[in-house]
PDB file of all heavy atoms in Angstrom:
ATOM      1  N   GLN A   1      -0.522   6.365  15.669  1.00  0.00           N
ATOM      2  CA  GLN A   1      -1.401   7.260  14.909  1.00  0.00           C
ATOM      3  C   GLN A   1      -2.652   6.491  14.526  1.00  0.00           C
ATOM      4  O   GLN A   1      -2.629   5.265  14.399  1.00  0.00           O
ATOM      5  CB  GLN A   1      -0.724   7.739  13.612  1.00  0.00           C
ATOM      6  CG  GLN A   1       0.378   8.749  13.779  1.00  0.00           C
ATOM      7  CD  GLN A   1       0.762   9.302  12.411  1.00  0.00           C
ATOM      8  OE1 GLN A   1       0.054  10.113  11.820  1.00  0.00           O
ATOM      9  NE2 GLN A   1       1.889   8.867  11.902  1.00  0.00           N
ATOM     10  N   PHE A   2      -3.730   7.213  14.315  1.00  0.00           N
ATOM     11  CA  PHE A   2      -4.942   6.558  13.845  1.00  0.00           C
ATOM     12  C   PHE A   2      -5.854   7.570  13.175  1.00  0.00           C
ATOM     13  O   PHE A   2      -5.690   8.783  13.311  1.00  0.00           O
ATOM     14  CB  PHE A   2      -5.681   5.840  14.988  1.00  0.00           C
ATOM     15  CG  PHE A   2      -6.120   6.746  16.109  1.00  0.00           C
ATOM     16  CD1 PHE A   2      -7.330   7.421  16.042  1.00  0.00           C
ATOM     17  CD2 PHE A   2      -5.322   6.904  17.237  1.00  0.00           C
ATOM     18  CE1 PHE A   2      -7.749   8.235  17.074  1.00  0.00           C
ATOM     19  CE2 PHE A   2      -5.728   7.719  18.276  1.00  0.00           C
ATOM     20  CZ  PHE A   2      -6.941   8.391  18.201  1.00  0.00           C
ATOM     21  N   VAL A   3      -6.818   7.053  12.458  1.00  0.00           N
ATOM     22  CA  VAL A   3      -7.865   7.850  11.820  1.00  0.00           C
ATOM     23  C   VAL A   3      -9.198   7.432  12.414  1.00  0.00           C
ATOM     24  O   VAL A   3      -9.477   6.240  12.559  1.00  0.00           O
ATOM     25  CB  VAL A   3      -7.877   7.621  10.291  1.00  0.00           C
ATOM     26  CG1 VAL A   3      -9.116   8.246   9.661  1.00  0.00           C
ATOM     27  CG2 VAL A   3      -6.624   8.190   9.657  1.00  0.00           C
ATOM     28  N   LEU A   4     -10.037   8.408  12.762  1.00  0.00           N
ATOM     29  CA  LEU A   4     -11.407   8.138  13.191  1.00  0.00           C
ATOM     30  C   LEU A   4     -12.343   8.528  12.056  1.00  0.00           C
ATOM     31  O   LEU A   4     -12.323   9.673  11.588  1.00  0.00           O
ATOM     32  CB  LEU A   4     -11.745   8.941  14.442  1.00  0.00           C
ATOM     33  CG  LEU A   4     -11.038   8.530  15.735  1.00  0.00           C
ATOM     34  CD1 LEU A   4     -11.434   9.469  16.862  1.00  0.00           C
ATOM     35  CD2 LEU A   4     -11.367   7.095  16.105  1.00  0.00           C
ATOM     36  N   ALA A   5     -13.141   7.567  11.598  1.00  0.00           N
ATOM     37  CA  ALA A   5     -14.084   7.842  10.512  1.00  0.00           C
ATOM     38  C   ALA A   5     -15.356   7.035  10.743  1.00  0.00           C
ATOM     39  O   ALA A   5     -15.295   5.814  10.934  1.00  0.00           O
ATOM     40  CB  ALA A   5     -13.472   7.486   9.158  1.00  0.00           C
ATOM     41  N   ASP A   6     -16.491   7.728  10.757  1.00  0.00           N
ATOM     42  CA  ASP A   6     -17.791   7.081  10.937  1.00  0.00           C
ATOM     43  C   ASP A   6     -17.828   6.212  12.187  1.00  0.00           C
ATOM     44  O   ASP A   6     -18.359   5.097  12.190  1.00  0.00           O
ATOM     45  CB  ASP A   6     -18.141   6.234   9.700  1.00  0.00           C
ATOM     46  CG  ASP A   6     -18.213   7.075   8.428  1.00  0.00           C
ATOM     47  OD1 ASP A   6     -18.637   8.246   8.526  1.00  0.00           O
ATOM     48  OD2 ASP A   6     -17.837   6.568   7.363  1.00  0.00           O
ATOM     49  N   GLY A   7     -17.196   6.715  13.239  1.00  0.00           N
ATOM     50  CA  GLY A   7     -17.216   6.011  14.508  1.00  0.00           C
ATOM     51  C   GLY A   7     -16.266   4.844  14.615  1.00  0.00           C
ATOM     52  O   GLY A   7     -16.280   4.109  15.614  1.00  0.00           O
ATOM     53  N   ARG A   8     -15.394   4.666  13.653  1.00  0.00           N
ATOM     54  CA  ARG A   8     -14.450   3.537  13.666  1.00  0.00           C
ATOM     55  C   ARG A   8     -13.019   4.058  13.706  1.00  0.00           C
ATOM     56  O   ARG A   8     -12.705   5.084  13.098  1.00  0.00           O
ATOM     57  CB  ARG A   8     -14.650   2.655  12.438  1.00  0.00           C
ATOM     58  CG  ARG A   8     -13.749   1.433  12.421  1.00  0.00           C
ATOM     59  CD  ARG A   8     -14.059   0.529  11.246  1.00  0.00           C
ATOM     60  NE  ARG A   8     -13.129  -0.590  11.177  1.00  0.00           N
ATOM     61  CZ  ARG A   8     -13.131  -1.517  10.227  1.00  0.00           C
ATOM     62  NH1 ARG A   8     -14.043  -1.472   9.260  1.00  0.00           N
ATOM     63  NH2 ARG A   8     -12.243  -2.492  10.233  1.00  0.00           N
ATOM     64  N   ARG A   9     -12.185   3.341  14.437  1.00  0.00           N
ATOM     65  CA  ARG A   9     -10.771   3.720  14.574  1.00  0.00           C
ATOM     66  C   ARG A   9      -9.919   2.883  13.634  1.00  0.00           C
ATOM     67  O   ARG A   9      -9.977   1.653  13.656  1.00  0.00           O
ATOM     68  CB  ARG A   9     -10.316   3.500  16.021  1.00  0.00           C
ATOM     69  CG  ARG A   9      -8.879   3.883  16.305  1.00  0.00           C
ATOM     70  CD  ARG A   9      -8.578   3.554  17.761  1.00  0.00           C
ATOM     71  NE  ARG A   9      -7.264   3.986  18.185  1.00  0.00           N
ATOM     72  CZ  ARG A   9      -6.137   3.309  17.970  1.00  0.00           C
ATOM     73  NH1 ARG A   9      -6.174   2.155  17.330  1.00  0.00           N
ATOM     74  NH2 ARG A   9      -4.983   3.781  18.393  1.00  0.00           N
ATOM     75  N   TYR A  10      -9.122   3.550  12.788  1.00  0.00           N
ATOM     76  CA  TYR A  10      -8.225   2.876  11.854  1.00  0.00           C
ATOM     77  C   TYR A  10      -6.778   3.199  12.254  1.00  0.00           C
ATOM     78  O   TYR A  10      -6.356   4.352  12.214  1.00  0.00           O
ATOM     79  CB  TYR A  10      -8.460   3.337  10.414  1.00  0.00           C
ATOM     80  CG  TYR A  10      -9.840   3.031   9.876  1.00  0.00           C
ATOM     81  CD1 TYR A  10     -10.881   3.951  10.031  1.00  0.00           C
ATOM     82  CD2 TYR A  10     -10.093   1.840   9.220  1.00  0.00           C
ATOM     83  CE1 TYR A  10     -12.149   3.680   9.532  1.00  0.00           C
ATOM     84  CE2 TYR A  10     -11.357   1.551   8.715  1.00  0.00           C
ATOM     85  CZ  TYR A  10     -12.382   2.476   8.883  1.00  0.00           C
ATOM     86  OH  TYR A  10     -13.642   2.199   8.394  1.00  0.00           O
ATOM     87  N   GLY A  11      -6.004   2.172  12.637  1.00  0.00           N
ATOM     88  CA  GLY A  11      -4.630   2.377  13.063  1.00  0.00           C
ATOM     89  C   GLY A  11      -3.687   2.638  11.908  1.00  0.00           C
ATOM     90  O   GLY A  11      -3.995   2.387  10.743  1.00  0.00           O
ATOM     91  N   HIS A  12      -2.482   3.139  12.248  1.00  0.00           N
ATOM     92  CA  HIS A  12      -1.531   3.544  11.210  1.00  0.00           C
ATOM     93  C   HIS A  12      -0.709   2.372  10.665  1.00  0.00           C
ATOM     94  O   HIS A  12      -0.004   2.537   9.671  1.00  0.00           O
ATOM     95  CB  HIS A  12      -0.574   4.603  11.766  1.00  0.00           C
ATOM     96  CG  HIS A  12       0.544   4.042  12.589  1.00  0.00           C
ATOM     97  ND1 HIS A  12       0.342   3.446  13.811  1.00  0.00           N
ATOM     98  CD2 HIS A  12       1.883   3.960  12.353  1.00  0.00           C
ATOM     99  CE1 HIS A  12       1.504   3.047  14.300  1.00  0.00           C
ATOM    100  NE2 HIS A  12       2.444   3.348  13.436  1.00  0.00           N
ATOM    101  N   VAL A  13      -0.780   1.205  11.298  1.00  0.00           N
ATOM    102  CA  VAL A  13      -0.021   0.050  10.803  1.00  0.00           C
ATOM    103  C   VAL A  13      -0.866  -0.638   9.737  1.00  0.00           C
ATOM    104  O   VAL A  13      -1.921  -1.219  10.034  1.00  0.00           O
ATOM    105  CB  VAL A  13       0.321  -0.925  11.937  1.00  0.00           C
ATOM    106  CG1 VAL A  13       1.087  -2.127  11.380  1.00  0.00           C
ATOM    107  CG2 VAL A  13       1.139  -0.216  13.007  1.00  0.00           C
ATOM    108  N   LEU A  14      -0.413  -0.582   8.502  1.00  0.00           N
ATOM    109  CA  LEU A  14      -1.192  -1.067   7.368  1.00  0.00           C
ATOM    110  C   LEU A  14      -0.729  -2.447   6.926  1.00  0.00           C
ATOM    111  O   LEU A  14       0.461  -2.759   6.949  1.00  0.00           O
ATOM    112  CB  LEU A  14      -1.063  -0.089   6.196  1.00  0.00           C
ATOM    113  CG  LEU A  14      -1.462   1.364   6.486  1.00  0.00           C
ATOM    114  CD1 LEU A  14      -1.161   2.233   5.268  1.00  0.00           C
ATOM    115  CD2 LEU A  14      -2.930   1.462   6.871  1.00  0.00           C
ATOM    116  N   ASP A  15      -1.677  -3.252   6.511  1.00  0.00           N
ATOM    117  CA  ASP A  15      -1.359  -4.543   5.899  1.00  0.00           C
ATOM    118  C   ASP A  15      -1.041  -4.271   4.433  1.00  0.00           C
ATOM    119  O   ASP A  15      -1.930  -3.881   3.662  1.00  0.00           O
ATOM    120  CB  ASP A  15      -2.543  -5.496   6.030  1.00  0.00           C
ATOM    121  CG  ASP A  15      -2.219  -6.907   5.549  1.00  0.00           C
ATOM    122  OD1 ASP A  15      -1.326  -7.051   4.700  1.00  0.00           O
ATOM    123  OD2 ASP A  15      -2.871  -7.849   6.028  1.00  0.00           O
ATOM    124  N   PRO A  16       0.211  -4.452   4.016  1.00  0.00           N
ATOM    125  CA  PRO A  16       0.577  -4.088   2.634  1.00  0.00           C
ATOM    126  C   PRO A  16      -0.115  -4.949   1.592  1.00  0.00           C
ATOM    127  O   PRO A  16      -0.162  -4.580   0.415  1.00  0.00           O
ATOM    128  CB  PRO A  16       2.097  -4.302   2.614  1.00  0.00           C
ATOM    129  CG  PRO A  16       2.362  -5.270   3.717  1.00  0.00           C
ATOM    130  CD  PRO A  16       1.354  -4.976   4.777  1.00  0.00           C
ATOM    131  N   ARG A  17      -0.679  -6.075   2.005  1.00  0.00           N
ATOM    132  CA  ARG A  17      -1.322  -6.971   1.037  1.00  0.00           C
ATOM    133  C   ARG A  17      -2.753  -6.546   0.728  1.00  0.00           C
ATOM    134  O   ARG A  17      -3.290  -6.877  -0.327  1.00  0.00           O
ATOM    135  CB  ARG A  17      -1.306  -8.403   1.582  1.00  0.00           C
ATOM    136  CG  ARG A  17       0.114  -8.911   1.833  1.00  0.00           C
ATOM    137  CD  ARG A  17       0.129 -10.096   2.756  1.00  0.00           C
ATOM    138  NE  ARG A  17      -0.444  -9.769   4.075  1.00  0.00           N
ATOM    139  CZ  ARG A  17      -0.448 -10.598   5.108  1.00  0.00           C
ATOM    140  NH1 ARG A  17       0.096 -11.796   4.981  1.00  0.00           N
ATOM    141  NH2 ARG A  17      -0.980 -10.232   6.255  1.00  0.00           N
ATOM    142  N   THR A  18      -3.379  -5.814   1.640  1.00  0.00           N
ATOM    143  CA  THR A  18      -4.763  -5.379   1.438  1.00  0.00           C
ATOM    144  C   THR A  18      -4.887  -3.867   1.320  1.00  0.00           C
ATOM    145  O   THR A  18      -5.859  -3.367   0.748  1.00  0.00           O
ATOM    146  CB  THR A  18      -5.646  -5.833   2.614  1.00  0.00           C
ATOM    147  OG1 THR A  18      -5.248  -5.140   3.814  1.00  0.00           O
ATOM    148  CG2 THR A  18      -5.536  -7.334   2.823  1.00  0.00           C
ATOM    149  N   GLY A  19      -3.935  -3.137   1.902  1.00  0.00           N
ATOM    150  CA  GLY A  19      -4.013  -1.685   1.924  1.00  0.00           C
ATOM    151  C   GLY A  19      -4.818  -1.137   3.075  1.00  0.00           C
ATOM    152  O   GLY A  19      -4.933   0.082   3.223  1.00  0.00           O
ATOM    153  N   TRP A  20      -5.350  -2.011   3.934  1.00  0.00           N
ATOM    154  CA  TRP A  20      -6.174  -1.583   5.049  1.00  0.00           C
ATOM    155  C   TRP A  20      -5.425  -1.781   6.363  1.00  0.00           C
ATOM    156  O   TRP A  20      -4.535  -2.628   6.456  1.00  0.00           O
ATOM    157  CB  TRP A  20      -7.497  -2.363   5.079  1.00  0.00           C
ATOM    158  CG  TRP A  20      -8.404  -1.945   3.967  1.00  0.00           C
ATOM    159  CD1 TRP A  20      -8.413  -2.430   2.687  1.00  0.00           C
ATOM    160  CD2 TRP A  20      -9.405  -0.925   4.012  1.00  0.00           C
ATOM    161  NE1 TRP A  20      -9.355  -1.787   1.938  1.00  0.00           N
ATOM    162  CE2 TRP A  20      -9.993  -0.861   2.728  1.00  0.00           C
ATOM    163  CE3 TRP A  20      -9.874  -0.068   5.006  1.00  0.00           C
ATOM    164  CZ2 TRP A  20     -11.007   0.031   2.413  1.00  0.00           C
ATOM    165  CZ3 TRP A  20     -10.904   0.817   4.701  1.00  0.00           C
ATOM    166  CH2 TRP A  20     -11.454   0.861   3.419  1.00  0.00           C
ATOM    167  N   PRO A  21      -5.771  -1.011   7.400  1.00  0.00           N
ATOM    168  CA  PRO A  21      -5.066  -1.151   8.681  1.00  0.00           C
ATOM    169  C   PRO A  21      -5.191  -2.546   9.264  1.00  0.00           C
ATOM    170  O   PRO A  21      -6.234  -3.194   9.175  1.00  0.00           O
ATOM    171  CB  PRO A  21      -5.772  -0.114   9.574  1.00  0.00           C
ATOM    172  CG  PRO A  21      -6.279   0.925   8.614  1.00  0.00           C
ATOM    173  CD  PRO A  21      -6.705   0.142   7.400  1.00  0.00           C
ATOM    174  N   ALA A  22      -4.104  -2.991   9.865  1.00  0.00           N
ATOM    175  CA  ALA A  22      -4.098  -4.286  10.549  1.00  0.00           C
ATOM    176  C   ALA A  22      -4.889  -4.164  11.845  1.00  0.00           C
ATOM    177  O   ALA A  22      -5.028  -3.080  12.414  1.00  0.00           O
ATOM    178  CB  ALA A  22      -2.667  -4.714  10.840  1.00  0.00           C
ATOM    179  N   SER A  23      -5.394  -5.285  12.334  1.00  0.00           N
ATOM    180  CA  SER A  23      -6.146  -5.281  13.585  1.00  0.00           C
ATOM    181  C   SER A  23      -5.947  -6.614  14.302  1.00  0.00           C
ATOM    182  O   SER A  23      -5.505  -7.595  13.702  1.00  0.00           O
ATOM    183  CB  SER A  23      -7.638  -5.041  13.322  1.00  0.00           C
ATOM    184  OG  SER A  23      -8.183  -6.085  12.527  1.00  0.00           O
ATOM    185  N   GLY A  24      -6.263  -6.630  15.585  1.00  0.00           N
ATOM    186  CA  GLY A  24      -6.199  -7.857  16.359  1.00  0.00           C
ATOM    187  C   GLY A  24      -5.039  -7.937  17.320  1.00  0.00           C
ATOM    188  O   GLY A  24      -5.098  -8.665  18.308  1.00  0.00           O
ATOM    189  N   VAL A  25      -3.959  -7.202  17.042  1.00  0.00           N
ATOM    190  CA  VAL A  25      -2.766  -7.251  17.895  1.00  0.00           C
ATOM    191  C   VAL A  25      -2.421  -5.834  18.345  1.00  0.00           C
ATOM    192  O   VAL A  25      -2.310  -4.920  17.522  1.00  0.00           O
ATOM    193  CB  VAL A  25      -1.569  -7.875  17.149  1.00  0.00           C
ATOM    194  CG1 VAL A  25      -0.332  -7.906  18.043  1.00  0.00           C
ATOM    195  CG2 VAL A  25      -1.904  -9.280  16.674  1.00  0.00           C
ATOM    196  N   LEU A  26      -2.260  -5.658  19.652  1.00  0.00           N
ATOM    197  CA  LEU A  26      -1.857  -4.361  20.182  1.00  0.00           C
ATOM    198  C   LEU A  26      -0.356  -4.144  20.074  1.00  0.00           C
ATOM    199  O   LEU A  26       0.112  -3.046  19.808  1.00  0.00           O
ATOM    200  CB  LEU A  26      -2.260  -4.244  21.656  1.00  0.00           C
ATOM    201  CG  LEU A  26      -3.718  -3.939  21.975  1.00  0.00           C
ATOM    202  CD1 LEU A  26      -3.924  -3.995  23.479  1.00  0.00           C
ATOM    203  CD2 LEU A  26      -4.110  -2.576  21.440  1.00  0.00           C
ATOM    204  N   SER A  27       0.403  -5.207  20.305  1.00  0.00           N
ATOM    205  CA  SER A  27       1.855  -5.073  20.340  1.00  0.00           C
ATOM    206  C   SER A  27       2.493  -6.410  20.026  1.00  0.00           C
ATOM    207  O   SER A  27       1.987  -7.466  20.426  1.00  0.00           O
ATOM    208  CB  SER A  27       2.312  -4.586  21.718  1.00  0.00           C
ATOM    209  OG  SER A  27       3.714  -4.431  21.757  1.00  0.00           O
ATOM    210  N   ALA A  28       3.588  -6.368  19.285  1.00  0.00           N
ATOM    211  CA  ALA A  28       4.339  -7.580  18.943  1.00  0.00           C
ATOM    212  C   ALA A  28       5.795  -7.390  19.352  1.00  0.00           C
ATOM    213  O   ALA A  28       6.436  -6.424  18.937  1.00  0.00           O
ATOM    214  CB  ALA A  28       4.241  -7.878  17.451  1.00  0.00           C
ATOM    215  N   THR A  29       6.280  -8.291  20.182  1.00  0.00           N
ATOM    216  CA  THR A  29       7.672  -8.262  20.631  1.00  0.00           C
ATOM    217  C   THR A  29       8.373  -9.512  20.113  1.00  0.00           C
ATOM    218  O   THR A  29       7.841 -10.618  20.251  1.00  0.00           O
ATOM    219  CB  THR A  29       7.748  -8.231  22.170  1.00  0.00           C
ATOM    220  OG1 THR A  29       7.158  -7.017  22.638  1.00  0.00           O
ATOM    221  CG2 THR A  29       9.190  -8.300  22.650  1.00  0.00           C
ATOM    222  N   VAL A  30       9.542  -9.333  19.513  1.00  0.00           N
ATOM    223  CA  VAL A  30      10.278 -10.449  18.916  1.00  0.00           C
ATOM    224  C   VAL A  30      11.695 -10.471  19.459  1.00  0.00           C
ATOM    225  O   VAL A  30      12.346  -9.422  19.587  1.00  0.00           O
ATOM    226  CB  VAL A  30      10.313 -10.335  17.375  1.00  0.00           C
ATOM    227  CG1 VAL A  30      11.168 -11.461  16.777  1.00  0.00           C
ATOM    228  CG2 VAL A  30       8.894 -10.397  16.810  1.00  0.00           C
ATOM    229  N   ILE A  31      12.172 -11.663  19.777  1.00  0.00           N
ATOM    230  CA  ILE A  31      13.551 -11.874  20.208  1.00  0.00           C
ATOM    231  C   ILE A  31      14.233 -12.755  19.170  1.00  0.00           C
ATOM    232  O   ILE A  31      13.716 -13.814  18.797  1.00  0.00           O
ATOM    233  CB  ILE A  31      13.609 -12.552  21.591  1.00  0.00           C
ATOM    234  CG1 ILE A  31      12.820 -11.727  22.614  1.00  0.00           C
ATOM    235  CG2 ILE A  31      15.052 -12.720  22.052  1.00  0.00           C
ATOM    236  CD1 ILE A  31      12.471 -12.480  23.868  1.00  0.00           C
ATOM    237  N   ALA A  32      15.370 -12.302  18.673  1.00  0.00           N
ATOM    238  CA  ALA A  32      16.115 -13.031  17.650  1.00  0.00           C
ATOM    239  C   ALA A  32      17.596 -12.731  17.831  1.00  0.00           C
ATOM    240  O   ALA A  32      17.986 -11.920  18.672  1.00  0.00           O
ATOM    241  CB  ALA A  32      15.647 -12.637  16.252  1.00  0.00           C
ATOM    242  N   ARG A  33      18.428 -13.370  17.047  1.00  0.00           N
ATOM    243  CA  ARG A  33      19.869 -13.146  17.158  1.00  0.00           C
ATOM    244  C   ARG A  33      20.294 -11.808  16.565  1.00  0.00           C
ATOM    245  O   ARG A  33      21.261 -11.205  17.021  1.00  0.00           O
ATOM    246  CB  ARG A  33      20.631 -14.282  16.472  1.00  0.00           C
ATOM    247  CG  ARG A  33      20.555 -15.607  17.203  1.00  0.00           C
ATOM    248  CD  ARG A  33      21.177 -15.507  18.584  1.00  0.00           C
ATOM    249  NE  ARG A  33      21.339 -16.815  19.206  1.00  0.00           N
ATOM    250  CZ  ARG A  33      21.886 -17.004  20.406  1.00  0.00           C
ATOM    251  NH1 ARG A  33      22.306 -15.977  21.112  1.00  0.00           N
ATOM    252  NH2 ARG A  33      22.010 -18.216  20.902  1.00  0.00           N
ATOM    253  N   ARG A  34      19.576 -11.328  15.543  1.00  0.00           N
ATOM    254  CA  ARG A  34      19.927 -10.079  14.881  1.00  0.00           C
ATOM    255  C   ARG A  34      18.863  -9.039  15.150  1.00  0.00           C
ATOM    256  O   ARG A  34      17.655  -9.317  15.076  1.00  0.00           O
ATOM    257  CB  ARG A  34      20.083 -10.293  13.375  1.00  0.00           C
ATOM    258  CG  ARG A  34      21.212 -11.220  12.999  1.00  0.00           C
ATOM    259  CD  ARG A  34      21.192 -11.559  11.519  1.00  0.00           C
ATOM    260  NE  ARG A  34      21.408 -10.393  10.675  1.00  0.00           N
ATOM    261  CZ  ARG A  34      21.375 -10.440   9.331  1.00  0.00           C
ATOM    262  NH1 ARG A  34      21.122 -11.582   8.710  1.00  0.00           N
ATOM    263  NH2 ARG A  34      21.589  -9.342   8.630  1.00  0.00           N
ATOM    264  N   ALA A  35      19.300  -7.824  15.423  1.00  0.00           N
ATOM    265  CA  ALA A  35      18.343  -6.753  15.712  1.00  0.00           C
ATOM    266  C   ALA A  35      17.520  -6.397  14.480  1.00  0.00           C
ATOM    267  O   ALA A  35      16.342  -6.056  14.593  1.00  0.00           O
ATOM    268  CB  ALA A  35      19.085  -5.522  16.234  1.00  0.00           C
ATOM    269  N   SER A  36      18.123  -6.453  13.306  1.00  0.00           N
ATOM    270  CA  SER A  36      17.378  -6.138  12.087  1.00  0.00           C
ATOM    271  C   SER A  36      16.237  -7.120  11.877  1.00  0.00           C
ATOM    272  O   SER A  36      15.126  -6.729  11.490  1.00  0.00           O
ATOM    273  CB  SER A  36      18.319  -6.147  10.879  1.00  0.00           C
ATOM    274  OG  SER A  36      19.072  -7.351  10.829  1.00  0.00           O
TER     275      SER A  36
END
């Protein structure tokens, strides 16, 4: 999901520390022992 405002795209993944959408990474894949 995203919002378009004033010619800028804001993604739905928010940085909880700033309240603004995160940027710079399209996708993050993690491998670990536990699925959670």
